[in-house]
Structures are given as structure tokens and as C-alpha cells.
């Protein structure tokens, strides 16, 4: 869920969204651009169980990160850092170790 929320970050922080009325904000929130659709697809693929989808999503995520890092502003760079953390966390989920007390 955090990945999808971060994917929509550029939309929520655009000047058109910030200066719009409620109706226009809802229209903007329901619309999507190619970058947003691609990032949401990466989020869904990274949470799937197929290894080929995950591998493909990792490479797409790296391409999107390069584009996001080239944008100006500190906020855009912080957003790219958050996306990178989400992508690595979803790509390599931590292994949960079973403790002896939980082995019933």
C-alpha cells in the first residue's frame, strides 16, 4: 500500500493539484499519467509471487528512479529515495525467522 501511495506523490504535489478546487482535485486524483501507471504496475509486480515479474519490475523501477532523480528540487530527490527504499523492500522481503517458542 505504501508503494501505491508513493507512486501518486508527484500528482498530489503538482501545482495544478495544490491550487485546484475540490472537484478538480478529485478529477486529478482519479486520472493518471504514463509514469504513474508504470509505477503502480511496478508496485503490483513487486508484490506478486512470480520471479520473472519481480525481475522485470526491478529493472523498470531502476529506470523510473533515474528519471525521478533527474528532476529538480529536494522534494523530488526525497521522493526518489522513498521509492528506492520501497522497491528494495518489496523486491527482497526480509526472511522471518521462527523462534523456538513459535514452533508448536
C-alpha atoms as a PDB file:
ATOM      1  CA  UNK A   1       0.000   0.000   0.000  1.00  0.00           C
ATOM      2  CA  UNK A   2       2.892   2.348   0.749  1.00  0.00           C
ATOM      3  CA  UNK A   3       4.248   1.768  -2.754  1.00  0.00           C
ATOM      4  CA  UNK A   4       0.974   2.790  -4.409  1.00  0.00           C
ATOM      5  CA  UNK A   5       0.778   5.869  -2.160  1.00  0.00           C
ATOM      6  CA  UNK A   6       4.326   6.893  -3.110  1.00  0.00           C
ATOM      7  CA  UNK A   7       3.539   6.298  -6.780  1.00  0.00           C
ATOM      8  CA  UNK A   8       0.874   9.026  -6.563  1.00  0.00           C
ATOM      9  CA  UNK A   9       3.205  11.516  -4.836  1.00  0.00           C
ATOM     10  CA  UNK A  10       4.021  13.606  -7.960  1.00  0.00           C
ATOM     11  CA  UNK A  11       0.323  14.070  -8.639  1.00  0.00           C
ATOM     12  CA  UNK A  12      -0.501  15.256  -5.111  1.00  0.00           C
ATOM     13  CA  UNK A  13       2.423  17.688  -5.092  1.00  0.00           C
ATOM     14  CA  UNK A  14       1.839  19.238  -8.504  1.00  0.00           C
ATOM     15  CA  UNK A  15       0.960  22.920  -8.678  1.00  0.00           C
ATOM     16  CA  UNK A  16      -2.282  22.097 -10.521  1.00  0.00           C
ATOM     17  CA  UNK A  17      -3.407  19.868  -7.652  1.00  0.00           C
ATOM     18  CA  UNK A  18      -2.403  22.292  -4.903  1.00  0.00           C
ATOM     19  CA  UNK A  19      -4.248  25.257  -6.412  1.00  0.00           C
ATOM     20  CA  UNK A  20      -7.357  23.357  -7.544  1.00  0.00           C
ATOM     21  CA  UNK A  21     -10.809  23.242  -6.024  1.00  0.00           C
ATOM     22  CA  UNK A  22     -12.231  20.026  -4.532  1.00  0.00           C
ATOM     23  CA  UNK A  23     -13.858  18.782  -7.745  1.00  0.00           C
ATOM     24  CA  UNK A  24     -10.722  19.312  -9.812  1.00  0.00           C
ATOM     25  CA  UNK A  25      -8.583  17.633  -7.149  1.00  0.00           C
ATOM     26  CA  UNK A  26     -10.799  14.554  -7.324  1.00  0.00           C
ATOM     27  CA  UNK A  27     -10.581  14.540 -11.113  1.00  0.00           C
ATOM     28  CA  UNK A  28      -6.796  14.812 -10.947  1.00  0.00           C
ATOM     29  CA  UNK A  29      -6.586  12.094  -8.314  1.00  0.00           C
ATOM     30  CA  UNK A  30      -8.639   9.742 -10.487  1.00  0.00           C
ATOM     31  CA  UNK A  31      -6.653  10.488 -13.629  1.00  0.00           C
ATOM     32  CA  UNK A  32      -3.249   9.029 -14.260  1.00  0.00           C
ATOM     33  CA  UNK A  33      -0.277   9.675 -16.486  1.00  0.00           C
ATOM     34  CA  UNK A  34       2.080   7.098 -18.032  1.00  0.00           C
ATOM     35  CA  UNK A  35       4.651   7.459 -15.246  1.00  0.00           C
ATOM     36  CA  UNK A  36       2.020   6.902 -12.568  1.00  0.00           C
ATOM     37  CA  UNK A  37       0.594   3.843 -14.340  1.00  0.00           C
ATOM     38  CA  UNK A  38       4.088   2.409 -14.813  1.00  0.00           C
ATOM     39  CA  UNK A  39       4.989   2.900 -11.150  1.00  0.00           C
ATOM     40  CA  UNK A  40       1.732   1.339  -9.974  1.00  0.00           C
ATOM     41  CA  UNK A  41       2.421  -1.610 -12.271  1.00  0.00           C
ATOM     42  CA  UNK A  42       5.854  -1.963 -10.674  1.00  0.00           C
ATOM     43  CA  UNK A  43       4.261  -1.966  -7.220  1.00  0.00           C
ATOM     44  CA  UNK A  44       1.840  -4.703  -8.202  1.00  0.00           C
ATOM     45  CA  UNK A  45       4.540  -6.780  -9.906  1.00  0.00           C
ATOM     46  CA  UNK A  46       6.911  -6.489  -6.949  1.00  0.00           C
ATOM     47  CA  UNK A  47       4.240  -7.809  -4.625  1.00  0.00           C
ATOM     48  CA  UNK A  48       3.452 -10.779  -6.898  1.00  0.00           C
ATOM     49  CA  UNK A  49       4.961 -14.222  -6.430  1.00  0.00           C
ATOM     50  CA  UNK A  50       6.396 -14.732  -9.915  1.00  0.00           C
ATOM     51  CA  UNK A  51      10.183 -14.362 -10.114  1.00  0.00           C
ATOM     52  CA  UNK A  52      10.125 -13.201 -13.739  1.00  0.00           C
ATOM     53  CA  UNK A  53       7.639 -10.433 -12.920  1.00  0.00           C
ATOM     54  CA  UNK A  54       9.755  -9.336  -9.958  1.00  0.00           C
ATOM     55  CA  UNK A  55      12.925  -9.273 -12.065  1.00  0.00           C
ATOM     56  CA  UNK A  56      11.208  -7.213 -14.744  1.00  0.00           C
ATOM     57  CA  UNK A  57       9.736  -4.876 -12.133  1.00  0.00           C
ATOM     58  CA  UNK A  58      13.156  -4.299 -10.546  1.00  0.00           C
ATOM     59  CA  UNK A  59      14.616  -3.137 -13.863  1.00  0.00           C
ATOM     60  CA  UNK A  60      11.594  -0.914 -14.532  1.00  0.00           C
ATOM     61  CA  UNK A  61      11.909   0.510 -11.032  1.00  0.00           C
ATOM     62  CA  UNK A  62      15.560   1.391 -11.666  1.00  0.00           C
ATOM     63  CA  UNK A  63      14.609   3.171 -14.909  1.00  0.00           C
ATOM     64  CA  UNK A  64      11.905   5.160 -13.123  1.00  0.00           C
ATOM     65  CA  UNK A  65      14.314   6.070 -10.337  1.00  0.00           C
ATOM     66  CA  UNK A  66      16.773   7.524 -12.842  1.00  0.00           C
ATOM     67  CA  UNK A  67      14.022   9.736 -14.268  1.00  0.00           C
ATOM     68  CA  UNK A  68      12.829  10.782 -10.810  1.00  0.00           C
ATOM     69  CA  UNK A  69      16.364  11.652  -9.646  1.00  0.00           C
ATOM     70  CA  UNK A  70      16.918  13.958 -12.634  1.00  0.00           C
ATOM     71  CA  UNK A  71      14.021  16.162 -11.593  1.00  0.00           C
ATOM     72  CA  UNK A  72      14.896  19.288  -9.739  1.00  0.00           C
ATOM     73  CA  UNK A  73      14.195  20.059  -6.135  1.00  0.00           C
ATOM     74  CA  UNK A  74      14.866  18.471  -2.800  1.00  0.00           C
ATOM     75  CA  UNK A  75      11.333  17.099  -2.544  1.00  0.00           C
ATOM     76  CA  UNK A  76      11.726  15.155  -5.797  1.00  0.00           C
ATOM     77  CA  UNK A  77      15.019  13.670  -4.595  1.00  0.00           C
ATOM     78  CA  UNK A  78      13.468  12.667  -1.271  1.00  0.00           C
ATOM     79  CA  UNK A  79      10.581  11.076  -3.171  1.00  0.00           C
ATOM     80  CA  UNK A  80      13.075   9.111  -5.292  1.00  0.00           C
ATOM     81  CA  UNK A  81      14.820   7.911  -2.123  1.00  0.00           C
ATOM     82  CA  UNK A  82      11.499   6.720  -0.677  1.00  0.00           C
ATOM     83  CA  UNK A  83      10.632   4.919  -3.919  1.00  0.00           C
ATOM     84  CA  UNK A  84      14.047   3.251  -3.897  1.00  0.00           C
ATOM     85  CA  UNK A  85      13.514   2.005  -0.330  1.00  0.00           C
ATOM     86  CA  UNK A  86      10.066   0.689  -1.202  1.00  0.00           C
ATOM     87  CA  UNK A  87      11.330  -1.079  -4.321  1.00  0.00           C
ATOM     88  CA  UNK A  88      14.202  -2.760  -2.493  1.00  0.00           C
ATOM     89  CA  UNK A  89      11.962  -3.752   0.406  1.00  0.00           C
ATOM     90  CA  UNK A  90       9.360  -5.275  -1.893  1.00  0.00           C
ATOM     91  CA  UNK A  91      11.953  -6.924  -4.111  1.00  0.00           C
ATOM     92  CA  UNK A  92      13.773  -8.593  -1.216  1.00  0.00           C
ATOM     93  CA  UNK A  93      11.331  -9.189   1.642  1.00  0.00           C
ATOM     94  CA  UNK A  94      13.053  -9.946   4.943  1.00  0.00           C
ATOM     95  CA  UNK A  95      13.032 -13.558   5.975  1.00  0.00           C
ATOM     96  CA  UNK A  96      11.146 -14.200   9.164  1.00  0.00           C
ATOM     97  CA  UNK A  97      12.978 -16.500  11.495  1.00  0.00           C
ATOM     98  CA  UNK A  98      10.953 -18.931  13.513  1.00  0.00           C
ATOM     99  CA  UNK A  99      11.746 -18.804  17.193  1.00  0.00           C
ATOM    100  CA  UNK A 100      11.678 -21.963  19.248  1.00  0.00           C
ATOM    101  CA  UNK A 101       8.653 -20.798  21.208  1.00  0.00           C
ATOM    102  CA  UNK A 102       6.628 -20.430  17.999  1.00  0.00           C
ATOM    103  CA  UNK A 103       7.232 -23.952  16.696  1.00  0.00           C
ATOM    104  CA  UNK A 104       4.181 -25.603  18.230  1.00  0.00           C
END
